[in-house]
PDB file of N, CA and C in Angstrom:
ATOM      1  N   UNK A   1     -48.864 -38.744-181.174  1.00  0.00           N
ATOM      2  CA  UNK A   1     -49.985 -39.654-181.348  1.00  0.00           C
ATOM      3  C   UNK A   1     -50.356 -39.675-182.821  1.00  0.00           C
ATOM      4  N   UNK A   2     -50.387 -40.872-183.376  1.00  0.00           N
ATOM      5  CA  UNK A   2     -50.796 -41.033-184.771  1.00  0.00           C
ATOM      6  C   UNK A   2     -52.037 -41.908-184.794  1.00  0.00           C
ATOM      7  N   UNK A   3     -53.151 -41.340-185.247  1.00  0.00           N
ATOM      8  CA  UNK A   3     -54.412 -42.077-185.301  1.00  0.00           C
ATOM      9  C   UNK A   3     -54.618 -42.665-186.693  1.00  0.00           C
ATOM     10  N   UNK A   4     -55.064 -43.919-186.704  1.00  0.00           N
ATOM     11  CA  UNK A   4     -55.359 -44.594-187.971  1.00  0.00           C
ATOM     12  C   UNK A   4     -56.754 -45.208-187.874  1.00  0.00           C
ATOM     13  N   UNK A   5     -57.298 -45.568-189.015  1.00  0.00           N
ATOM     14  CA  UNK A   5     -58.633 -46.153-189.081  1.00  0.00           C
ATOM     15  C   UNK A   5     -58.620 -47.666-188.958  1.00  0.00           C
ATOM     16  N   UNK A   6     -59.808 -48.219-189.056  1.00  0.00           N
ATOM     17  CA  UNK A   6     -59.987 -49.663-188.891  1.00  0.00           C
ATOM     18  C   UNK A   6     -59.218 -50.461-189.946  1.00  0.00           C
ATOM     19  N   UNK A   7     -59.289 -50.052-191.175  1.00  0.00           N
ATOM     20  CA  UNK A   7     -58.597 -50.791-192.241  1.00  0.00           C
ATOM     21  C   UNK A   7     -57.090 -50.844-191.992  1.00  0.00           C
ATOM     22  N   UNK A   8     -56.510 -49.718-191.599  1.00  0.00           N
ATOM     23  CA  UNK A   8     -55.060 -49.654-191.388  1.00  0.00           C
ATOM     24  C   UNK A   8     -54.640 -50.475-190.174  1.00  0.00           C
ATOM     25  N   UNK A   9     -55.395 -50.389-189.066  1.00  0.00           N
ATOM     26  CA  UNK A   9     -55.012 -51.163-187.878  1.00  0.00           C
ATOM     27  C   UNK A   9     -55.210 -52.654-188.130  1.00  0.00           C
ATOM     28  N   UNK A  10     -56.212 -53.010-188.928  1.00  0.00           N
ATOM     29  CA  UNK A  10     -56.408 -54.410-189.299  1.00  0.00           C
ATOM     30  C   UNK A  10     -55.214 -54.900-190.123  1.00  0.00           C
ATOM     31  N   UNK A  11     -54.733 -54.065-191.016  1.00  0.00           N
ATOM     32  CA  UNK A  11     -53.563 -54.411-191.830  1.00  0.00           C
ATOM     33  C   UNK A  11     -52.325 -54.575-190.948  1.00  0.00           C
ATOM     34  N   UNK A  12     -52.120 -53.651-190.013  1.00  0.00           N
ATOM     35  CA  UNK A  12     -50.967 -53.709-189.115  1.00  0.00           C
ATOM     36  C   UNK A  12     -50.992 -54.989-188.289  1.00  0.00           C
ATOM     37  N   UNK A  13     -52.174 -55.357-187.771  1.00  0.00           N
ATOM     38  CA  UNK A  13     -52.305 -56.538-186.925  1.00  0.00           C
ATOM     39  C   UNK A  13     -52.527 -57.823-187.718  1.00  0.00           C
ATOM     40  N   UNK A  14     -52.670 -57.688-189.025  1.00  0.00           N
ATOM     41  CA  UNK A  14     -52.886 -58.824-189.925  1.00  0.00           C
ATOM     42  C   UNK A  14     -54.133 -59.623-189.519  1.00  0.00           C
ATOM     43  N   UNK A  15     -55.223 -58.887-189.304  1.00  0.00           N
ATOM     44  CA  UNK A  15     -56.513 -59.508-188.994  1.00  0.00           C
ATOM     45  C   UNK A  15     -57.571 -58.906-189.913  1.00  0.00           C
ATOM     46  N   UNK A  16     -58.709 -59.549-189.964  1.00  0.00           N
ATOM     47  CA  UNK A  16     -59.830 -59.074-190.765  1.00  0.00           C
ATOM     48  C   UNK A  16     -60.412 -57.814-190.119  1.00  0.00           C
ATOM     49  N   UNK A  17     -60.794 -56.806-190.901  1.00  0.00           N
ATOM     50  CA  UNK A  17     -61.411 -55.612-190.312  1.00  0.00           C
ATOM     51  C   UNK A  17     -62.636 -55.931-189.441  1.00  0.00           C
ATOM     52  N   UNK A  18     -63.373 -56.994-189.766  1.00  0.00           N
ATOM     53  CA  UNK A  18     -64.515 -57.373-188.935  1.00  0.00           C
ATOM     54  C   UNK A  18     -64.066 -57.724-187.521  1.00  0.00           C
ATOM     55  N   UNK A  19     -62.890 -58.322-187.398  1.00  0.00           N
ATOM     56  CA  UNK A  19     -62.338 -58.643-186.083  1.00  0.00           C
ATOM     57  C   UNK A  19     -62.112 -57.358-185.288  1.00  0.00           C
ATOM     58  N   UNK A  20     -61.609 -56.343-185.949  1.00  0.00           N
ATOM     59  CA  UNK A  20     -61.384 -55.052-185.280  1.00  0.00           C
ATOM     60  C   UNK A  20     -62.720 -54.467-184.821  1.00  0.00           C
ATOM     61  N   UNK A  21     -63.744 -54.530-185.676  1.00  0.00           N
ATOM     62  CA  UNK A  21     -65.075 -54.060-185.270  1.00  0.00           C
ATOM     63  C   UNK A  21     -65.562 -54.815-184.035  1.00  0.00           C
ATOM     64  N   UNK A  22     -65.370 -56.135-184.024  1.00  0.00           N
ATOM     65  CA  UNK A  22     -65.773 -56.941-182.868  1.00  0.00           C
ATOM     66  C   UNK A  22     -65.016 -56.518-181.618  1.00  0.00           C
ATOM     67  N   UNK A  23     -63.700 -56.328-181.740  1.00  0.00           N
ATOM     68  CA  UNK A  23     -62.890 -55.942-180.591  1.00  0.00           C
ATOM     69  C   UNK A  23     -63.271 -54.565-180.061  1.00  0.00           C
ATOM     70  N   UNK A  24     -63.640 -53.639-180.959  1.00  0.00           N
ATOM     71  CA  UNK A  24     -64.037 -52.312-180.478  1.00  0.00           C
ATOM     72  C   UNK A  24     -65.398 -52.371-179.790  1.00  0.00           C
ATOM     73  N   UNK A  25     -66.313 -53.169-180.319  1.00  0.00           N
ATOM     74  CA  UNK A  25     -67.646 -53.242-179.710  1.00  0.00           C
ATOM     75  C   UNK A  25     -67.615 -53.903-178.337  1.00  0.00           C
ATOM     76  N   UNK A  26     -66.618 -54.754-178.092  1.00  0.00           N
ATOM     77  CA  UNK A  26     -66.483 -55.399-176.783  1.00  0.00           C
ATOM     78  C   UNK A  26     -65.400 -54.717-175.936  1.00  0.00           C
ATOM     79  N   UNK A  27     -64.866 -53.614-176.439  1.00  0.00           N
ATOM     80  CA  UNK A  27     -63.852 -52.808-175.747  1.00  0.00           C
ATOM     81  C   UNK A  27     -62.588 -53.593-175.409  1.00  0.00           C
ATOM     82  N   UNK A  28     -62.212 -54.493-176.286  1.00  0.00           N
ATOM     83  CA  UNK A  28     -60.989 -55.277-176.086  1.00  0.00           C
ATOM     84  C   UNK A  28     -59.752 -54.529-176.541  1.00  0.00           C
ATOM     85  N   UNK A  29     -59.893 -53.678-177.534  1.00  0.00           N
ATOM     86  CA  UNK A  29     -58.752 -52.968-178.112  1.00  0.00           C
ATOM     87  C   UNK A  29     -58.926 -51.473-177.821  1.00  0.00           C
ATOM     88  N   UNK A  30     -57.841 -50.792-177.436  1.00  0.00           N
ATOM     89  CA  UNK A  30     -57.967 -49.354-177.171  1.00  0.00           C
ATOM     90  C   UNK A  30     -58.288 -48.586-178.452  1.00  0.00           C
ATOM     91  N   UNK A  31     -59.267 -47.710-178.361  1.00  0.00           N
ATOM     92  CA  UNK A  31     -59.676 -46.938-179.527  1.00  0.00           C
ATOM     93  C   UNK A  31     -60.340 -45.637-179.107  1.00  0.00           C
ATOM     94  N   UNK A  32     -60.541 -44.763-180.067  1.00  0.00           N
ATOM     95  CA  UNK A  32     -61.193 -43.468-179.861  1.00  0.00           C
ATOM     96  C   UNK A  32     -62.393 -43.375-180.780  1.00  0.00           C
ATOM     97  N   UNK A  33     -63.474 -42.819-180.271  1.00  0.00           N
ATOM     98  CA  UNK A  33     -64.646 -42.558-181.099  1.00  0.00           C
ATOM     99  C   UNK A  33     -64.678 -41.067-181.390  1.00  0.00           C
ATOM    100  N   UNK A  34     -64.665 -40.723-182.645  1.00  0.00           N
ATOM    101  CA  UNK A  34     -64.763 -39.339-183.094  1.00  0.00           C
ATOM    102  C   UNK A  34     -66.052 -39.223-183.891  1.00  0.00           C
ATOM    103  N   UNK A  35     -67.141 -38.961-183.182  1.00  0.00           N
ATOM    104  CA  UNK A  35     -68.443 -39.019-183.824  1.00  0.00           C
ATOM    105  C   UNK A  35     -68.725 -40.466-184.193  1.00  0.00           C
ATOM    106  N   UNK A  36     -68.902 -40.714-185.481  1.00  0.00           N
ATOM    107  CA  UNK A  36     -69.142 -42.085-185.949  1.00  0.00           C
ATOM    108  C   UNK A  36     -67.853 -42.795-186.356  1.00  0.00           C
ATOM    109  N   UNK A  37     -66.751 -42.053-186.367  1.00  0.00           N
ATOM    110  CA  UNK A  37     -65.472 -42.637-186.757  1.00  0.00           C
ATOM    111  C   UNK A  37     -64.812 -43.343-185.579  1.00  0.00           C
ATOM    112  N   UNK A  38     -64.141 -44.446-185.860  1.00  0.00           N
ATOM    113  CA  UNK A  38     -63.357 -45.158-184.857  1.00  0.00           C
ATOM    114  C   UNK A  38     -61.898 -45.041-185.285  1.00  0.00           C
ATOM    115  N   UNK A  39     -61.054 -44.551-184.365  1.00  0.00           N
ATOM    116  CA  UNK A  39     -59.639 -44.360-184.664  1.00  0.00           C
ATOM    117  C   UNK A  39     -58.793 -45.045-183.597  1.00  0.00           C
ATOM    118  N   UNK A  40     -57.558 -45.371-183.975  1.00  0.00           N
ATOM    119  CA  UNK A  40     -56.650 -46.095-183.111  1.00  0.00           C
ATOM    120  C   UNK A  40     -55.306 -45.399-183.075  1.00  0.00           C
ATOM    121  N   UNK A  41     -54.736 -45.281-181.881  1.00  0.00           N
ATOM    122  CA  UNK A  41     -53.371 -44.794-181.727  1.00  0.00           C
ATOM    123  C   UNK A  41     -52.471 -46.024-181.863  1.00  0.00           C
ATOM    124  N   UNK A  42     -51.638 -46.044-182.877  1.00  0.00           N
ATOM    125  CA  UNK A  42     -50.817 -47.219-183.175  1.00  0.00           C
ATOM    126  C   UNK A  42     -49.948 -47.599-181.975  1.00  0.00           C
ATOM    127  N   UNK A  43     -49.344 -46.616-181.304  1.00  0.00           N
ATOM    128  CA  UNK A  43     -48.491 -46.914-180.150  1.00  0.00           C
ATOM    129  C   UNK A  43     -49.297 -47.550-179.016  1.00  0.00           C
ATOM    130  N   UNK A  44     -50.493 -47.051-178.761  1.00  0.00           N
ATOM    131  CA  UNK A  44     -51.344 -47.631-177.715  1.00  0.00           C
ATOM    132  C   UNK A  44     -51.735 -49.067-178.056  1.00  0.00           C
ATOM    133  N   UNK A  45     -52.050 -49.305-179.306  1.00  0.00           N
ATOM    134  CA  UNK A  45     -52.441 -50.652-179.731  1.00  0.00           C
ATOM    135  C   UNK A  45     -51.257 -51.611-179.602  1.00  0.00           C
ATOM    136  N   UNK A  46     -50.058 -51.160-179.946  1.00  0.00           N
ATOM    137  CA  UNK A  46     -48.884 -52.023-179.825  1.00  0.00           C
ATOM    138  C   UNK A  46     -48.575 -52.319-178.356  1.00  0.00           C
ATOM    139  N   UNK A  47     -48.765 -51.347-177.474  1.00  0.00           N
ATOM    140  CA  UNK A  47     -48.590 -51.571-176.040  1.00  0.00           C
ATOM    141  C   UNK A  47     -49.617 -52.566-175.537  1.00  0.00           C
ATOM    142  N   UNK A  48     -50.874 -52.404-175.961  1.00  0.00           N
ATOM    143  CA  UNK A  48     -51.943 -53.340-175.598  1.00  0.00           C
ATOM    144  C   UNK A  48     -51.602 -54.745-176.076  1.00  0.00           C
ATOM    145  N   UNK A  49     -51.109 -54.841-177.293  1.00  0.00           N
ATOM    146  CA  UNK A  49     -50.762 -56.138-177.862  1.00  0.00           C
ATOM    147  C   UNK A  49     -49.670 -56.818-177.042  1.00  0.00           C
ATOM    148  N   UNK A  50     -48.690 -56.047-176.575  1.00  0.00           N
ATOM    149  CA  UNK A  50     -47.596 -56.606-175.777  1.00  0.00           C
ATOM    150  C   UNK A  50     -48.118 -57.190-174.460  1.00  0.00           C
ATOM    151  N   UNK A  51     -49.200 -56.647-173.928  1.00  0.00           N
ATOM    152  CA  UNK A  51     -49.755 -57.180-172.679  1.00  0.00           C
ATOM    153  C   UNK A  51     -50.413 -58.533-172.898  1.00  0.00           C
ATOM    154  N   UNK A  52     -50.694 -58.886-174.135  1.00  0.00           N
ATOM    155  CA  UNK A  52     -51.334 -60.161-174.445  1.00  0.00           C
ATOM    156  C   UNK A  52     -50.329 -61.284-174.694  1.00  0.00           C
ATOM    157  N   UNK A  53     -49.049 -60.927-174.699  1.00  0.00           N
ATOM    158  CA  UNK A  53     -48.010 -61.917-174.983  1.00  0.00           C
ATOM    159  C   UNK A  53     -48.038 -63.031-173.940  1.00  0.00           C
ATOM    160  N   UNK A  54     -47.951 -64.259-174.414  1.00  0.00           N
ATOM    161  CA  UNK A  54     -47.900 -65.415-173.531  1.00  0.00           C
ATOM    162  C   UNK A  54     -46.446 -65.845-173.416  1.00  0.00           C
ATOM    163  N   UNK A  55     -45.950 -65.800-172.200  1.00  0.00           N
ATOM    164  CA  UNK A  55     -44.554 -66.154-171.940  1.00  0.00           C
ATOM    165  C   UNK A  55     -44.422 -67.673-171.830  1.00  0.00           C
ATOM    166  N   UNK A  56     -43.269 -68.216-172.208  1.00  0.00           N
ATOM    167  CA  UNK A  56     -43.065 -69.662-172.079  1.00  0.00           C
ATOM    168  C   UNK A  56     -42.977 -70.059-170.606  1.00  0.00           C
ATOM    169  N   UNK A  57     -43.407 -71.278-170.316  1.00  0.00           N
ATOM    170  CA  UNK A  57     -43.319 -71.821-168.963  1.00  0.00           C
ATOM    171  C   UNK A  57     -41.906 -72.307-168.692  1.00  0.00           C
ATOM    172  N   UNK A  58     -41.536 -72.310-167.440  1.00  0.00           N
ATOM    173  CA  UNK A  58     -40.252 -72.902-167.057  1.00  0.00           C
ATOM    174  C   UNK A  58     -40.401 -74.417-167.141  1.00  0.00           C
ATOM    175  N   UNK A  59     -39.342 -75.089-167.511  1.00  0.00           N
ATOM    176  CA  UNK A  59     -39.335 -76.541-167.638  1.00  0.00           C
ATOM    177  C   UNK A  59     -38.624 -77.127-166.416  1.00  0.00           C
ATOM    178  N   UNK A  60     -39.211 -78.165-165.869  1.00  0.00           N
ATOM    179  CA  UNK A  60     -38.605 -78.820-164.704  1.00  0.00           C
ATOM    180  C   UNK A  60     -37.311 -79.488-165.132  1.00  0.00           C
ATOM    181  N   UNK A  61     -36.244 -79.183-164.439  1.00  0.00           N
ATOM    182  CA  UNK A  61     -34.931 -79.730-164.759  1.00  0.00           C
ATOM    183  C   UNK A  61     -34.610 -80.841-163.762  1.00  0.00           C
ATOM    184  N   UNK A  62     -34.682 -82.092-164.219  1.00  0.00           N
ATOM    185  CA  UNK A  62     -34.425 -83.239-163.336  1.00  0.00           C
ATOM    186  C   UNK A  62     -32.984 -83.257-162.837  1.00  0.00           C
ATOM    187  N   UNK A  63     -32.077 -82.777-163.656  1.00  0.00           N
ATOM    188  CA  UNK A  63     -30.660 -82.812-163.276  1.00  0.00           C
ATOM    189  C   UNK A  63     -30.392 -81.972-162.035  1.00  0.00           C
ATOM    190  N   UNK A  64     -31.046 -80.842-161.918  1.00  0.00           N
ATOM    191  CA  UNK A  64     -30.814 -79.968-160.771  1.00  0.00           C
ATOM    192  C   UNK A  64     -31.922 -80.083-159.739  1.00  0.00           C
ATOM    193  N   UNK A  65     -32.980 -80.834-160.057  1.00  0.00           N
ATOM    194  CA  UNK A  65     -34.081 -80.987-159.122  1.00  0.00           C
ATOM    195  C   UNK A  65     -34.951 -79.748-159.009  1.00  0.00           C
ATOM    196  N   UNK A  66     -34.937 -78.919-160.008  1.00  0.00           N
ATOM    197  CA  UNK A  66     -35.744 -77.703-159.944  1.00  0.00           C
ATOM    198  C   UNK A  66     -36.055 -77.131-161.305  1.00  0.00           C
ATOM    199  N   UNK A  67     -36.684 -76.008-161.281  1.00  0.00           N
ATOM    200  CA  UNK A  67     -37.061 -75.321-162.519  1.00  0.00           C
ATOM    201  C   UNK A  67     -35.980 -74.313-162.852  1.00  0.00           C
ATOM    202  N   UNK A  68     -35.143 -74.658-163.789  1.00  0.00           N
ATOM    203  CA  UNK A  68     -34.058 -73.731-164.095  1.00  0.00           C
ATOM    204  C   UNK A  68     -33.926 -73.433-165.579  1.00  0.00           C
ATOM    205  N   UNK A  69     -34.727 -74.072-166.390  1.00  0.00           N
ATOM    206  CA  UNK A  69     -34.654 -73.810-167.823  1.00  0.00           C
ATOM    207  C   UNK A  69     -35.966 -73.198-168.278  1.00  0.00           C
ATOM    208  N   UNK A  70     -35.900 -72.539-169.396  1.00  0.00           N
ATOM    209  CA  UNK A  70     -37.097 -71.980-169.998  1.00  0.00           C
ATOM    210  C   UNK A  70     -37.392 -72.718-171.275  1.00  0.00           C
ATOM    211  N   UNK A  71     -38.654 -73.108-171.446  1.00  0.00           N
ATOM    212  CA  UNK A  71     -39.073 -73.794-172.672  1.00  0.00           C
ATOM    213  C   UNK A  71     -39.020 -72.811-173.825  1.00  0.00           C
ATOM    214  N   UNK A  72     -38.533 -73.261-174.945  1.00  0.00           N
ATOM    215  CA  UNK A  72     -38.447 -72.384-176.124  1.00  0.00           C
ATOM    216  C   UNK A  72     -39.401 -72.842-177.182  1.00  0.00           C
TER     217      UNK A  72
END
């Protein structure tokens, strides 16, 4: 487990540190409170991020009369 601070996780995710503060206050992003410090396990955050991935929809294929292709 490697814990990093708000500035580092904001850099990793390429977002503003204020966004990270907002996400922690609404419990959207996994984090740890160590007294007044907020820390993040990079592996946990990357796993959380993967759960937010939006997969492409299947495209209706008129030739076969069904959904057999994936939109790219």
